């Protein structure tokens, strides 16, 4: 999968964001904010970078029919979200998203639904323990998985479920997840 996105590091991500077409004005502002952050940050991929934050990667996982999305019920945040998280050694947002998706779901048959970035979100993470309040500059990619492949609930989650995309607006799901859902019809 890494071969689909051979360049790594902040410069490559700034370029990828420059080629990305945001879904609306709000997302366009988040893309610009992420580009500015990447241009100014010393180590934007380090989870120890709190001022103002760090890059994270997420996976919007849909079935082949594009009718269901695989969401995790996050243990710390108590919300249904897409799998995702922090960089470890990666300096490539796609590699982060793919690793996190595999770790949080146990799925190994994931394949990109489209080349390139699917969504960009900047959100505030409240202070917890020694970590101050900071931003996650979340770069999201769309993947397709087989709903028949067994999945595994990780320690980070209470549950994992294929949720009907058409019902996510009714389920009190986070707005950023609903935005991911609204974009699903555009996937090839």
C-alpha atoms as a PDB file:
ATOM      1  CA  UNK A   1       0.000   0.000   0.000  1.00  0.00           C
ATOM      2  CA  UNK A   2       2.865   2.329   0.762  1.00  0.00           C
ATOM      3  CA  UNK A   3       3.873   2.257  -2.900  1.00  0.00           C
ATOM      4  CA  UNK A   4       0.673   4.137  -3.747  1.00  0.00           C
ATOM      5  CA  UNK A   5       2.087   7.203  -2.000  1.00  0.00           C
ATOM      6  CA  UNK A   6       5.895   7.033  -2.319  1.00  0.00           C
ATOM      7  CA  UNK A   7       6.776  10.513  -1.040  1.00  0.00           C
ATOM      8  CA  UNK A   8       6.774  11.157   2.660  1.00  0.00           C
ATOM      9  CA  UNK A   9       7.219  14.061   5.025  1.00  0.00           C
ATOM     10  CA  UNK A  10       5.687  17.505   5.478  1.00  0.00           C
ATOM     11  CA  UNK A  11       6.571  18.766   1.996  1.00  0.00           C
ATOM     12  CA  UNK A  12       4.876  15.816   0.282  1.00  0.00           C
ATOM     13  CA  UNK A  13       1.787  16.288   2.444  1.00  0.00           C
ATOM     14  CA  UNK A  14       1.671  20.036   1.676  1.00  0.00           C
ATOM     15  CA  UNK A  15       1.775  19.123  -2.035  1.00  0.00           C
ATOM     16  CA  UNK A  16      -0.951  16.489  -1.626  1.00  0.00           C
ATOM     17  CA  UNK A  17      -3.141  18.999   0.212  1.00  0.00           C
ATOM     18  CA  UNK A  18      -2.543  21.510  -2.584  1.00  0.00           C
ATOM     19  CA  UNK A  19      -3.899  18.995  -5.100  1.00  0.00           C
ATOM     20  CA  UNK A  20      -6.861  18.055  -2.892  1.00  0.00           C
ATOM     21  CA  UNK A  21     -10.301  19.533  -3.615  1.00  0.00           C
ATOM     22  CA  UNK A  22     -12.132  20.244  -0.308  1.00  0.00           C
ATOM     23  CA  UNK A  23     -15.831  19.422  -0.056  1.00  0.00           C
ATOM     24  CA  UNK A  24     -16.906  22.863   1.207  1.00  0.00           C
ATOM     25  CA  UNK A  25     -15.648  26.201   2.567  1.00  0.00           C
ATOM     26  CA  UNK A  26     -15.280  24.891   6.115  1.00  0.00           C
ATOM     27  CA  UNK A  27     -13.093  22.030   4.965  1.00  0.00           C
ATOM     28  CA  UNK A  28     -11.134  24.424   2.702  1.00  0.00           C
ATOM     29  CA  UNK A  29     -10.272  26.481   5.809  1.00  0.00           C
ATOM     30  CA  UNK A  30      -9.099  23.315   7.595  1.00  0.00           C
ATOM     31  CA  UNK A  31      -6.931  22.376   4.597  1.00  0.00           C
ATOM     32  CA  UNK A  32      -5.331  25.848   4.595  1.00  0.00           C
ATOM     33  CA  UNK A  33      -4.795  25.664   8.356  1.00  0.00           C
ATOM     34  CA  UNK A  34      -3.139  22.248   7.967  1.00  0.00           C
ATOM     35  CA  UNK A  35      -0.858  23.495   5.170  1.00  0.00           C
ATOM     36  CA  UNK A  36       0.206  26.475   7.306  1.00  0.00           C
ATOM     37  CA  UNK A  37       0.822  24.179  10.271  1.00  0.00           C
ATOM     38  CA  UNK A  38       2.963  21.822   8.159  1.00  0.00           C
ATOM     39  CA  UNK A  39       5.021  24.720   6.781  1.00  0.00           C
ATOM     40  CA  UNK A  40       5.765  26.076  10.271  1.00  0.00           C
ATOM     41  CA  UNK A  41       6.084  22.967  12.477  1.00  0.00           C
ATOM     42  CA  UNK A  42       9.440  21.450  13.433  1.00  0.00           C
ATOM     43  CA  UNK A  43       8.095  17.880  13.680  1.00  0.00           C
ATOM     44  CA  UNK A  44       4.422  17.867  12.654  1.00  0.00           C
ATOM     45  CA  UNK A  45       4.115  14.058  12.820  1.00  0.00           C
ATOM     46  CA  UNK A  46       5.297  13.756  16.451  1.00  0.00           C
ATOM     47  CA  UNK A  47       2.520  13.046  18.929  1.00  0.00           C
ATOM     48  CA  UNK A  48       4.612  14.998  21.467  1.00  0.00           C
ATOM     49  CA  UNK A  49       4.164  18.169  19.405  1.00  0.00           C
ATOM     50  CA  UNK A  50       1.364  20.054  21.173  1.00  0.00           C
ATOM     51  CA  UNK A  51       1.800  23.641  20.009  1.00  0.00           C
ATOM     52  CA  UNK A  52      -0.531  23.727  18.220  1.00  0.00           C
ATOM     53  CA  UNK A  53      -0.794  19.964  17.606  1.00  0.00           C
ATOM     54  CA  UNK A  54       0.195  17.147  15.270  1.00  0.00           C
ATOM     55  CA  UNK A  55      -0.773  15.194  12.162  1.00  0.00           C
ATOM     56  CA  UNK A  56      -3.018  12.150  12.573  1.00  0.00           C
ATOM     57  CA  UNK A  57      -4.352   9.716   9.992  1.00  0.00           C
ATOM     58  CA  UNK A  58      -7.822   8.193   9.720  1.00  0.00           C
ATOM     59  CA  UNK A  59      -9.581   5.580   7.613  1.00  0.00           C
ATOM     60  CA  UNK A  60     -13.141   5.881   6.307  1.00  0.00           C
ATOM     61  CA  UNK A  61     -13.905   2.203   5.671  1.00  0.00           C
ATOM     62  CA  UNK A  62     -16.910   1.330   3.505  1.00  0.00           C
ATOM     63  CA  UNK A  63     -18.245  -1.897   2.054  1.00  0.00           C
ATOM     64  CA  UNK A  64     -18.137  -2.645  -1.675  1.00  0.00           C
ATOM     65  CA  UNK A  65     -21.729  -1.443  -2.109  1.00  0.00           C
ATOM     66  CA  UNK A  66     -20.941   1.858  -0.316  1.00  0.00           C
ATOM     67  CA  UNK A  67     -23.980   1.349   1.962  1.00  0.00           C
ATOM     68  CA  UNK A  68     -22.202   0.675   5.273  1.00  0.00           C
ATOM     69  CA  UNK A  69     -19.210   2.152   7.101  1.00  0.00           C
ATOM     70  CA  UNK A  70     -17.138   0.368   9.726  1.00  0.00           C
ATOM     71  CA  UNK A  71     -17.015   2.559  12.847  1.00  0.00           C
ATOM     72  CA  UNK A  72     -15.405   2.094  16.246  1.00  0.00           C
ATOM     73  CA  UNK A  73     -17.066   3.121  19.497  1.00  0.00           C
ATOM     74  CA  UNK A  74     -14.050   4.921  20.967  1.00  0.00           C
ATOM     75  CA  UNK A  75     -13.366   4.027  24.607  1.00  0.00           C
ATOM     76  CA  UNK A  76     -11.914   7.420  25.697  1.00  0.00           C
ATOM     77  CA  UNK A  77     -14.196   9.672  23.660  1.00  0.00           C
ATOM     78  CA  UNK A  78     -17.393   7.585  24.035  1.00  0.00           C
ATOM     79  CA  UNK A  79     -18.382   8.269  20.407  1.00  0.00           C
ATOM     80  CA  UNK A  80     -18.719   6.347  17.146  1.00  0.00           C
ATOM     81  CA  UNK A  81     -15.765   7.378  14.957  1.00  0.00           C
ATOM     82  CA  UNK A  82     -13.710   6.187  12.025  1.00  0.00           C
ATOM     83  CA  UNK A  83     -10.509   4.301  12.941  1.00  0.00           C
ATOM     84  CA  UNK A  84      -7.459   6.515  13.161  1.00  0.00           C
ATOM     85  CA  UNK A  85      -4.709   7.867  15.321  1.00  0.00           C
ATOM     86  CA  UNK A  86      -1.157   9.085  15.739  1.00  0.00           C
ATOM     87  CA  UNK A  87       2.017   8.538  13.762  1.00  0.00           C
ATOM     88  CA  UNK A  88       4.516   6.127  15.198  1.00  0.00           C
ATOM     89  CA  UNK A  89       7.547   6.087  12.900  1.00  0.00           C
ATOM     90  CA  UNK A  90       5.611   7.046   9.756  1.00  0.00           C
ATOM     91  CA  UNK A  91       5.953  10.383   8.012  1.00  0.00           C
ATOM     92  CA  UNK A  92       3.154   9.540   5.576  1.00  0.00           C
ATOM     93  CA  UNK A  93      -0.486  10.170   6.488  1.00  0.00           C
ATOM     94  CA  UNK A  94      -1.691   7.269   4.306  1.00  0.00           C
ATOM     95  CA  UNK A  95       0.636   4.853   6.104  1.00  0.00           C
ATOM     96  CA  UNK A  96      -0.659   6.136   9.468  1.00  0.00           C
ATOM     97  CA  UNK A  97      -4.292   5.701   8.397  1.00  0.00           C
ATOM     98  CA  UNK A  98      -3.707   2.178   7.064  1.00  0.00           C
ATOM     99  CA  UNK A  99      -1.786   1.021  10.156  1.00  0.00           C
ATOM    100  CA  UNK A 100      -4.412   2.464  12.497  1.00  0.00           C
ATOM    101  CA  UNK A 101      -7.236   0.873  10.495  1.00  0.00           C
ATOM    102  CA  UNK A 102      -5.570  -2.536  10.692  1.00  0.00           C
ATOM    103  CA  UNK A 103      -4.765  -2.183  14.407  1.00  0.00           C
ATOM    104  CA  UNK A 104      -8.251  -1.004  15.363  1.00  0.00           C
ATOM    105  CA  UNK A 105     -10.237  -3.446  13.205  1.00  0.00           C
ATOM    106  CA  UNK A 106      -8.033  -6.466  12.557  1.00  0.00           C
ATOM    107  CA  UNK A 107      -8.914  -6.198   8.851  1.00  0.00           C
ATOM    108  CA  UNK A 108      -6.103  -6.945   6.402  1.00  0.00           C
ATOM    109  CA  UNK A 109      -8.052  -6.918   3.118  1.00  0.00           C
ATOM    110  CA  UNK A 110      -8.361  -3.121   3.077  1.00  0.00           C
ATOM    111  CA  UNK A 111      -7.861  -1.413  -0.278  1.00  0.00           C
ATOM    112  CA  UNK A 112      -7.963   2.248  -1.223  1.00  0.00           C
ATOM    113  CA  UNK A 113     -11.380   3.331  -2.502  1.00  0.00           C
ATOM    114  CA  UNK A 114      -9.787   6.221  -4.400  1.00  0.00           C
ATOM    115  CA  UNK A 115      -6.271   7.583  -4.757  1.00  0.00           C
ATOM    116  CA  UNK A 116      -5.275  10.462  -2.529  1.00  0.00           C
ATOM    117  CA  UNK A 117      -6.815  12.301   0.380  1.00  0.00           C
ATOM    118  CA  UNK A 118     -10.537  11.774   1.052  1.00  0.00           C
ATOM    119  CA  UNK A 119     -11.123  14.364   3.792  1.00  0.00           C
ATOM    120  CA  UNK A 120      -9.285  16.775   6.101  1.00  0.00           C
ATOM    121  CA  UNK A 121     -10.392  17.702   9.596  1.00  0.00           C
ATOM    122  CA  UNK A 122      -8.845  19.826  12.341  1.00  0.00           C
ATOM    123  CA  UNK A 123     -10.306  19.251  15.776  1.00  0.00           C
ATOM    124  CA  UNK A 124      -9.355  20.110  19.343  1.00  0.00           C
ATOM    125  CA  UNK A 125      -8.348  17.366  21.759  1.00  0.00           C
ATOM    126  CA  UNK A 126      -8.987  18.338  25.379  1.00  0.00           C
ATOM    127  CA  UNK A 127      -6.209  18.248  27.964  1.00  0.00           C
ATOM    128  CA  UNK A 128      -5.756  14.797  29.504  1.00  0.00           C
ATOM    129  CA  UNK A 129      -3.138  13.837  32.069  1.00  0.00           C
ATOM    130  CA  UNK A 130       0.183  15.435  31.106  1.00  0.00           C
ATOM    131  CA  UNK A 131      -1.013  16.273  27.601  1.00  0.00           C
ATOM    132  CA  UNK A 132      -2.254  19.866  27.150  1.00  0.00           C
ATOM    133  CA  UNK A 133      -5.159  20.771  24.893  1.00  0.00           C
ATOM    134  CA  UNK A 134      -3.998  20.529  21.284  1.00  0.00           C
ATOM    135  CA  UNK A 135      -5.214  20.076  17.716  1.00  0.00           C
ATOM    136  CA  UNK A 136      -5.307  16.961  15.596  1.00  0.00           C
ATOM    137  CA  UNK A 137      -4.693  17.788  11.946  1.00  0.00           C
ATOM    138  CA  UNK A 138      -6.426  14.655  10.670  1.00  0.00           C
ATOM    139  CA  UNK A 139      -5.757  13.467   7.124  1.00  0.00           C
ATOM    140  CA  UNK A 140      -8.374  10.915   6.066  1.00  0.00           C
ATOM    141  CA  UNK A 141      -8.356   8.258   3.366  1.00  0.00           C
ATOM    142  CA  UNK A 142     -11.192   6.099   2.052  1.00  0.00           C
ATOM    143  CA  UNK A 143     -10.852   2.321   2.052  1.00  0.00           C
ATOM    144  CA  UNK A 144     -13.057  -0.547   0.938  1.00  0.00           C
ATOM    145  CA  UNK A 145     -13.355  -3.746   2.954  1.00  0.00           C
ATOM    146  CA  UNK A 146     -15.319  -6.958   2.669  1.00  0.00           C
ATOM    147  CA  UNK A 147     -18.148  -6.966   5.228  1.00  0.00           C
ATOM    148  CA  UNK A 148     -17.682 -10.731   5.512  1.00  0.00           C
ATOM    149  CA  UNK A 149     -14.081 -10.457   6.742  1.00  0.00           C
ATOM    150  CA  UNK A 150     -14.013 -11.008  10.513  1.00  0.00           C
ATOM    151  CA  UNK A 151     -12.972  -7.971  12.524  1.00  0.00           C
ATOM    152  CA  UNK A 152     -11.503  -7.620  16.008  1.00  0.00           C
ATOM    153  CA  UNK A 153     -12.426  -4.961  18.595  1.00  0.00           C
ATOM    154  CA  UNK A 154      -9.219  -3.370  19.892  1.00  0.00           C
ATOM    155  CA  UNK A 155      -8.497  -2.251  23.453  1.00  0.00           C
ATOM    156  CA  UNK A 156      -9.127   1.342  22.327  1.00  0.00           C
ATOM    157  CA  UNK A 157     -12.794   0.640  21.594  1.00  0.00           C
ATOM    158  CA  UNK A 158     -15.953  -0.597  23.276  1.00  0.00           C
ATOM    159  CA  UNK A 159     -17.362  -1.899  20.003  1.00  0.00           C
ATOM    160  CA  UNK A 160     -16.880  -2.087  16.265  1.00  0.00           C
ATOM    161  CA  UNK A 161     -19.801  -2.255  13.845  1.00  0.00           C
ATOM    162  CA  UNK A 162     -20.814  -1.912  10.219  1.00  0.00           C
ATOM    163  CA  UNK A 163     -23.248   0.992  10.438  1.00  0.00           C
ATOM    164  CA  UNK A 164     -25.702   1.897   7.643  1.00  0.00           C
ATOM    165  CA  UNK A 165     -24.420   5.126   6.106  1.00  0.00           C
ATOM    166  CA  UNK A 166     -27.955   6.385   5.454  1.00  0.00           C
ATOM    167  CA  UNK A 167     -28.711   6.249   9.191  1.00  0.00           C
ATOM    168  CA  UNK A 168     -25.641   8.060  10.520  1.00  0.00           C
ATOM    169  CA  UNK A 169     -27.426  11.438  10.557  1.00  0.00           C
ATOM    170  CA  UNK A 170     -29.988   9.993  12.961  1.00  0.00           C
ATOM    171  CA  UNK A 171     -27.537   8.357  15.333  1.00  0.00           C
ATOM    172  CA  UNK A 172     -26.041  11.418  17.032  1.00  0.00           C
ATOM    173  CA  UNK A 173     -22.775  10.780  15.203  1.00  0.00           C
ATOM    174  CA  UNK A 174     -20.093  13.479  15.182  1.00  0.00           C
ATOM    175  CA  UNK A 175     -20.433  16.052  12.367  1.00  0.00           C
ATOM    176  CA  UNK A 176     -17.044  15.178  10.919  1.00  0.00           C
ATOM    177  CA  UNK A 177     -18.172  11.539  10.548  1.00  0.00           C
ATOM    178  CA  UNK A 178     -21.413  12.670   8.917  1.00  0.00           C
ATOM    179  CA  UNK A 179     -19.306  14.696   6.444  1.00  0.00           C
ATOM    180  CA  UNK A 180     -17.345  11.526   5.623  1.00  0.00           C
ATOM    181  CA  UNK A 181     -20.671   9.752   5.070  1.00  0.00           C
ATOM    182  CA  UNK A 182     -22.033  12.482   2.787  1.00  0.00           C
ATOM    183  CA  UNK A 183     -18.954  12.157   0.555  1.00  0.00           C
ATOM    184  CA  UNK A 184     -19.384   8.390   0.118  1.00  0.00           C
ATOM    185  CA  UNK A 185     -21.642   8.735  -2.924  1.00  0.00           C
ATOM    186  CA  UNK A 186     -18.729  10.398  -4.767  1.00  0.00           C
ATOM    187  CA  UNK A 187     -16.415   7.424  -4.354  1.00  0.00           C
ATOM    188  CA  UNK A 188     -15.591   5.561  -7.573  1.00  0.00           C
END
